[in-house]
Amino acid sequence: MDLRPSHSFCRPSPRSKRSWFRLLAHFSDRVAFSALFGAALLVIFSPNSAHAEFTVCNQTLDVVNLAVGQKVDNADQTDGWWTIGANQCVNVIREELANRYIYLYATDVFGHAILNGSTEMCVDRRRFSIRGIEECWQRGHIAARFVEVDTLEQVRWTYFLTGNSP
């Protein structure tokens, strides 16, 4: 008595296997195309898609704290702090650049200046937005020397903070 199962009912024929794989491949191609097309439309037509217009990338091995200065409504303004990890980037200005010059000041986690520029502007110990760059000490702020970044009147700019930055 032969107890082996009959395979004629358990295995599909080679031709039906090919048909099944062809159908599966066709379906997965259409799904992949639809997903890709949908993602592209979402990016293009999304009203909330923000473009990073001024980005600072920290290419050092240290965490840095960053303050940014620029003209806002014809007045000098400084804002801070952004914490940027090693080999990370942060979008610090999200709208198209309206100023040719952006000013940056960066410190390490101990508060020591990493960027040492020639333009004196105001910062604070905690998160801040300060209008005006005159008389920092008298107004209760700290005077810091910012580096001037010439964006060449571009609407987008990326600044790379390296170990030997000016």
C-alpha atoms as a PDB file:
ATOM      1  CA  MET A   1       0.000   0.000   0.000  1.00  0.00           C
ATOM      2  CA  ASP A   2       1.444   3.366  -1.086  1.00  0.00           C
ATOM      3  CA  LEU A   3       0.939   6.061   1.592  1.00  0.00           C
ATOM      4  CA  ARG A   4       2.539   8.928  -0.346  1.00  0.00           C
ATOM      5  CA  PRO A   5       0.159  11.798  -0.929  1.00  0.00           C
ATOM      6  CA  SER A   6      -0.974  12.479  -4.392  1.00  0.00           C
ATOM      7  CA  HIS A   7       0.633  15.717  -5.638  1.00  0.00           C
ATOM      8  CA  SER A   8      -1.739  16.367  -8.462  1.00  0.00           C
ATOM      9  CA  PHE A   9      -4.163  18.253  -6.222  1.00  0.00           C
ATOM     10  CA  CYS A  10      -1.559  20.139  -4.140  1.00  0.00           C
ATOM     11  CA  ARG A  11       0.709  21.699  -6.754  1.00  0.00           C
ATOM     12  CA  PRO A  12      -0.344  24.240  -9.302  1.00  0.00           C
ATOM     13  CA  SER A  13       0.750  23.597 -12.817  1.00  0.00           C
ATOM     14  CA  PRO A  14       3.841  25.500 -14.045  1.00  0.00           C
ATOM     15  CA  ARG A  15       1.635  27.548 -16.365  1.00  0.00           C
ATOM     16  CA  SER A  16      -0.690  28.682 -13.564  1.00  0.00           C
ATOM     17  CA  LYS A  17       2.399  29.581 -11.477  1.00  0.00           C
ATOM     18  CA  ARG A  18       3.648  31.888 -14.240  1.00  0.00           C
ATOM     19  CA  SER A  19       0.232  33.505 -14.531  1.00  0.00           C
ATOM     20  CA  TRP A  20       0.088  34.097 -10.795  1.00  0.00           C
ATOM     21  CA  PHE A  21       3.557  35.700 -10.699  1.00  0.00           C
ATOM     22  CA  ARG A  22       2.779  37.818 -13.759  1.00  0.00           C
ATOM     23  CA  LEU A  23      -0.413  39.068 -12.108  1.00  0.00           C
ATOM     24  CA  LEU A  24       1.409  39.750  -8.833  1.00  0.00           C
ATOM     25  CA  ALA A  25       4.232  41.629 -10.609  1.00  0.00           C
ATOM     26  CA  HIS A  26       1.730  43.717 -12.595  1.00  0.00           C
ATOM     27  CA  PHE A  27      -0.207  44.562  -9.425  1.00  0.00           C
ATOM     28  CA  SER A  28       2.920  45.475  -7.405  1.00  0.00           C
ATOM     29  CA  ASP A  29       4.211  47.682 -10.268  1.00  0.00           C
ATOM     30  CA  ARG A  30       0.915  49.577 -10.348  1.00  0.00           C
ATOM     31  CA  VAL A  31       0.857  49.982  -6.569  1.00  0.00           C
ATOM     32  CA  ALA A  32       4.469  51.218  -6.523  1.00  0.00           C
ATOM     33  CA  PHE A  33       3.763  53.680  -9.353  1.00  0.00           C
ATOM     34  CA  SER A  34       0.607  54.939  -7.637  1.00  0.00           C
ATOM     35  CA  ALA A  35       2.422  55.419  -4.340  1.00  0.00           C
ATOM     36  CA  LEU A  36       5.308  57.245  -6.008  1.00  0.00           C
ATOM     37  CA  PHE A  37       2.968  59.438  -8.060  1.00  0.00           C
ATOM     38  CA  GLY A  38       0.864  60.241  -4.984  1.00  0.00           C
ATOM     39  CA  ALA A  39       3.927  61.180  -2.945  1.00  0.00           C
ATOM     40  CA  ALA A  40       5.184  63.449  -5.727  1.00  0.00           C
ATOM     41  CA  LEU A  41       1.823  65.228  -5.961  1.00  0.00           C
ATOM     42  CA  LEU A  42       1.739  65.649  -2.190  1.00  0.00           C
ATOM     43  CA  VAL A  43       5.146  67.323  -2.183  1.00  0.00           C
ATOM     44  CA  ILE A  44       4.358  69.571  -5.154  1.00  0.00           C
ATOM     45  CA  PHE A  45       0.926  70.745  -4.082  1.00  0.00           C
ATOM     46  CA  SER A  46       1.254  70.683  -0.298  1.00  0.00           C
ATOM     47  CA  PRO A  47       0.451  74.200   0.948  1.00  0.00           C
ATOM     48  CA  ASN A  48       2.406  73.672   4.162  1.00  0.00           C
ATOM     49  CA  SER A  49       5.647  72.517   2.581  1.00  0.00           C
ATOM     50  CA  ALA A  50       8.308  74.776   4.067  1.00  0.00           C
ATOM     51  CA  HIS A  51      11.542  75.355   2.218  1.00  0.00           C
ATOM     52  CA  ALA A  52      14.661  75.791   4.265  1.00  0.00           C
ATOM     53  CA  GLU A  53      16.063  79.070   3.022  1.00  0.00           C
ATOM     54  CA  PHE A  54      19.014  79.456   5.428  1.00  0.00           C
ATOM     55  CA  THR A  55      20.424  76.255   6.816  1.00  0.00           C
ATOM     56  CA  VAL A  56      23.420  75.790   9.096  1.00  0.00           C
ATOM     57  CA  CYS A  57      25.192  72.429   9.020  1.00  0.00           C
ATOM     58  CA  ASN A  58      27.485  71.511  11.896  1.00  0.00           C
ATOM     59  CA  GLN A  59      30.364  69.527  10.432  1.00  0.00           C
ATOM     60  CA  THR A  60      32.322  69.508  13.687  1.00  0.00           C
ATOM     61  CA  LEU A  61      32.458  66.690  16.209  1.00  0.00           C
ATOM     62  CA  ASP A  62      30.855  68.863  18.912  1.00  0.00           C
ATOM     63  CA  VAL A  63      27.333  70.014  19.725  1.00  0.00           C
ATOM     64  CA  VAL A  64      27.013  73.749  19.079  1.00  0.00           C
ATOM     65  CA  ASN A  65      24.540  76.429  20.126  1.00  0.00           C
ATOM     66  CA  LEU A  66      23.752  78.945  17.390  1.00  0.00           C
ATOM     67  CA  ALA A  67      22.402  82.502  17.346  1.00  0.00           C
ATOM     68  CA  VAL A  68      21.383  84.310  14.145  1.00  0.00           C
ATOM     69  CA  GLY A  69      21.290  88.016  13.372  1.00  0.00           C
ATOM     70  CA  GLN A  70      19.603  89.786  10.465  1.00  0.00           C
ATOM     71  CA  LYS A  71      17.649  92.887   9.485  1.00  0.00           C
ATOM     72  CA  VAL A  72      13.934  92.557  10.230  1.00  0.00           C
ATOM     73  CA  ASP A  73      11.695  95.508   9.283  1.00  0.00           C
ATOM     74  CA  ASN A  74      14.777  97.752   8.905  1.00  0.00           C
ATOM     75  CA  ALA A  75      16.001  96.942  12.424  1.00  0.00           C
ATOM     76  CA  ASP A  76      18.762  94.593  13.524  1.00  0.00           C
ATOM     77  CA  GLN A  77      17.454  91.517  15.306  1.00  0.00           C
ATOM     78  CA  THR A  78      19.143  88.521  16.878  1.00  0.00           C
ATOM     79  CA  ASP A  79      17.470  85.201  17.674  1.00  0.00           C
ATOM     80  CA  GLY A  80      18.730  82.117  19.474  1.00  0.00           C
ATOM     81  CA  TRP A  81      19.394  79.424  20.438  1.00  0.00           C
ATOM     82  CA  TRP A  82      19.411  76.516  18.020  1.00  0.00           C
ATOM     83  CA  THR A  83      21.234  73.424  19.253  1.00  0.00           C
ATOM     84  CA  ILE A  84      22.914  71.548  16.418  1.00  0.00           C
ATOM     85  CA  GLY A  85      24.381  68.104  16.987  1.00  0.00           C
ATOM     86  CA  ALA A  86      27.567  66.906  15.358  1.00  0.00           C
ATOM     87  CA  ASN A  87      27.057  66.295  11.632  1.00  0.00           C
ATOM     88  CA  GLN A  88      23.511  67.704  11.768  1.00  0.00           C
ATOM     89  CA  CYS A  89      21.782  70.573   9.934  1.00  0.00           C
ATOM     90  CA  VAL A  90      19.137  73.016  11.200  1.00  0.00           C
ATOM     91  CA  ASN A  91      16.887  75.364   9.220  1.00  0.00           C
ATOM     92  CA  VAL A  92      17.229  78.712  10.977  1.00  0.00           C
ATOM     93  CA  ILE A  93      15.411  80.964   8.495  1.00  0.00           C
ATOM     94  CA  ARG A  94      12.422  79.353   6.796  1.00  0.00           C
ATOM     95  CA  GLU A  95      11.394  82.054   4.347  1.00  0.00           C
ATOM     96  CA  GLU A  96      13.295  83.228   1.282  1.00  0.00           C
ATOM     97  CA  LEU A  97      16.207  85.419   2.258  1.00  0.00           C
ATOM     98  CA  ALA A  98      15.516  89.126   2.013  1.00  0.00           C
ATOM     99  CA  ASN A  99      18.929  90.209   3.346  1.00  0.00           C
ATOM    100  CA  ARG A 100      22.276  89.789   1.667  1.00  0.00           C
ATOM    101  CA  TYR A 101      24.063  89.492   5.025  1.00  0.00           C
ATOM    102  CA  ILE A 102      23.198  87.031   7.787  1.00  0.00           C
ATOM    103  CA  TYR A 103      25.145  87.043  11.053  1.00  0.00           C
ATOM    104  CA  LEU A 104      26.053  83.921  13.015  1.00  0.00           C
ATOM    105  CA  TYR A 105      27.404  83.319  16.482  1.00  0.00           C
ATOM    106  CA  ALA A 106      28.118  79.814  17.764  1.00  0.00           C
ATOM    107  CA  THR A 107      29.312  78.438  21.082  1.00  0.00           C
ATOM    108  CA  ASP A 108      30.216  75.013  22.371  1.00  0.00           C
ATOM    109  CA  VAL A 109      28.232  73.444  25.217  1.00  0.00           C
ATOM    110  CA  PHE A 110      30.469  75.245  27.727  1.00  0.00           C
ATOM    111  CA  GLY A 111      29.631  78.675  26.282  1.00  0.00           C
ATOM    112  CA  HIS A 112      32.994  79.235  24.572  1.00  0.00           C
ATOM    113  CA  ALA A 113      32.733  81.003  21.200  1.00  0.00           C
ATOM    114  CA  ILE A 114      33.334  78.772  18.182  1.00  0.00           C
ATOM    115  CA  LEU A 115      32.711  81.494  15.611  1.00  0.00           C
ATOM    116  CA  ASN A 116      34.518  84.729  16.370  1.00  0.00           C
ATOM    117  CA  GLY A 117      33.460  87.530  14.072  1.00  0.00           C
ATOM    118  CA  SER A 118      33.762  91.290  14.003  1.00  0.00           C
ATOM    119  CA  THR A 119      30.110  92.422  14.199  1.00  0.00           C
ATOM    120  CA  GLU A 120      28.938  93.007  17.760  1.00  0.00           C
ATOM    121  CA  MET A 121      25.325  92.016  18.429  1.00  0.00           C
ATOM    122  CA  CYS A 122      23.299  91.009  21.476  1.00  0.00           C
ATOM    123  CA  VAL A 123      22.577  87.517  22.806  1.00  0.00           C
ATOM    124  CA  ASP A 124      21.071  86.173  26.007  1.00  0.00           C
ATOM    125  CA  ARG A 125      21.693  83.104  28.147  1.00  0.00           C
ATOM    126  CA  ARG A 126      18.309  81.556  27.363  1.00  0.00           C
ATOM    127  CA  ARG A 127      16.135  81.490  24.269  1.00  0.00           C
ATOM    128  CA  PHE A 128      15.800  85.034  22.943  1.00  0.00           C
ATOM    129  CA  SER A 129      14.672  87.426  20.238  1.00  0.00           C
ATOM    130  CA  ILE A 130      16.324  90.821  20.665  1.00  0.00           C
ATOM    131  CA  ARG A 131      15.610  93.951  18.617  1.00  0.00           C
ATOM    132  CA  GLY A 132      18.567  96.277  18.246  1.00  0.00           C
ATOM    133  CA  ILE A 133      22.270  95.689  18.670  1.00  0.00           C
ATOM    134  CA  GLU A 134      23.239  98.790  20.617  1.00  0.00           C
ATOM    135  CA  GLU A 135      24.029  98.908  24.334  1.00  0.00           C
ATOM    136  CA  CYS A 136      23.653  95.176  24.945  1.00  0.00           C
ATOM    137  CA  TRP A 137      25.013  95.318  28.507  1.00  0.00           C
ATOM    138  CA  GLN A 138      22.874  98.286  29.477  1.00  0.00           C
ATOM    139  CA  ARG A 139      19.758  96.473  28.300  1.00  0.00           C
ATOM    140  CA  GLY A 140      20.606  93.327  30.265  1.00  0.00           C
ATOM    141  CA  HIS A 141      21.984  91.251  27.376  1.00  0.00           C
ATOM    142  CA  ILE A 142      25.414  89.918  26.456  1.00  0.00           C
ATOM    143  CA  ALA A 143      27.496  91.411  23.649  1.00  0.00           C
ATOM    144  CA  ALA A 144      28.849  88.792  21.238  1.00  0.00           C
ATOM    145  CA  ARG A 145      30.920  89.015  18.061  1.00  0.00           C
ATOM    146  CA  PHE A 146      28.984  87.578  15.111  1.00  0.00           C
ATOM    147  CA  VAL A 147      30.451  86.370  11.816  1.00  0.00           C
ATOM    148  CA  GLU A 148      29.020  88.073   8.725  1.00  0.00           C
ATOM    149  CA  VAL A 149      27.861  85.621   6.035  1.00  0.00           C
ATOM    150  CA  ASP A 150      27.513  87.091   2.548  1.00  0.00           C
ATOM    151  CA  THR A 151      24.723  85.164   0.812  1.00  0.00           C
ATOM    152  CA  LEU A 152      25.437  86.951  -2.490  1.00  0.00           C
ATOM    153  CA  GLU A 153      21.767  88.004  -2.601  1.00  0.00           C
ATOM    154  CA  GLN A 154      20.628  84.404  -3.079  1.00  0.00           C
ATOM    155  CA  VAL A 155      17.214  83.385  -1.740  1.00  0.00           C
ATOM    156  CA  ARG A 156      18.604  80.116  -0.293  1.00  0.00           C
ATOM    157  CA  TRP A 157      21.886  79.510   1.475  1.00  0.00           C
ATOM    158  CA  THR A 158      23.594  76.775   3.479  1.00  0.00           C
ATOM    159  CA  TYR A 159      26.447  77.581   5.844  1.00  0.00           C
ATOM    160  CA  PHE A 160      28.807  74.767   6.820  1.00  0.00           C
ATOM    161  CA  LEU A 161      30.264  75.137  10.282  1.00  0.00           C
ATOM    162  CA  THR A 162      33.636  73.369  10.288  1.00  0.00           C
ATOM    163  CA  GLY A 163      36.374  73.054  12.847  1.00  0.00           C
ATOM    164  CA  ASN A 164      38.363  75.812  11.136  1.00  0.00           C
ATOM    165  CA  SER A 165      35.517  78.281  10.472  1.00  0.00           C
ATOM    166  CA  PRO A 166      36.445  81.986  10.600  1.00  0.00           C
END
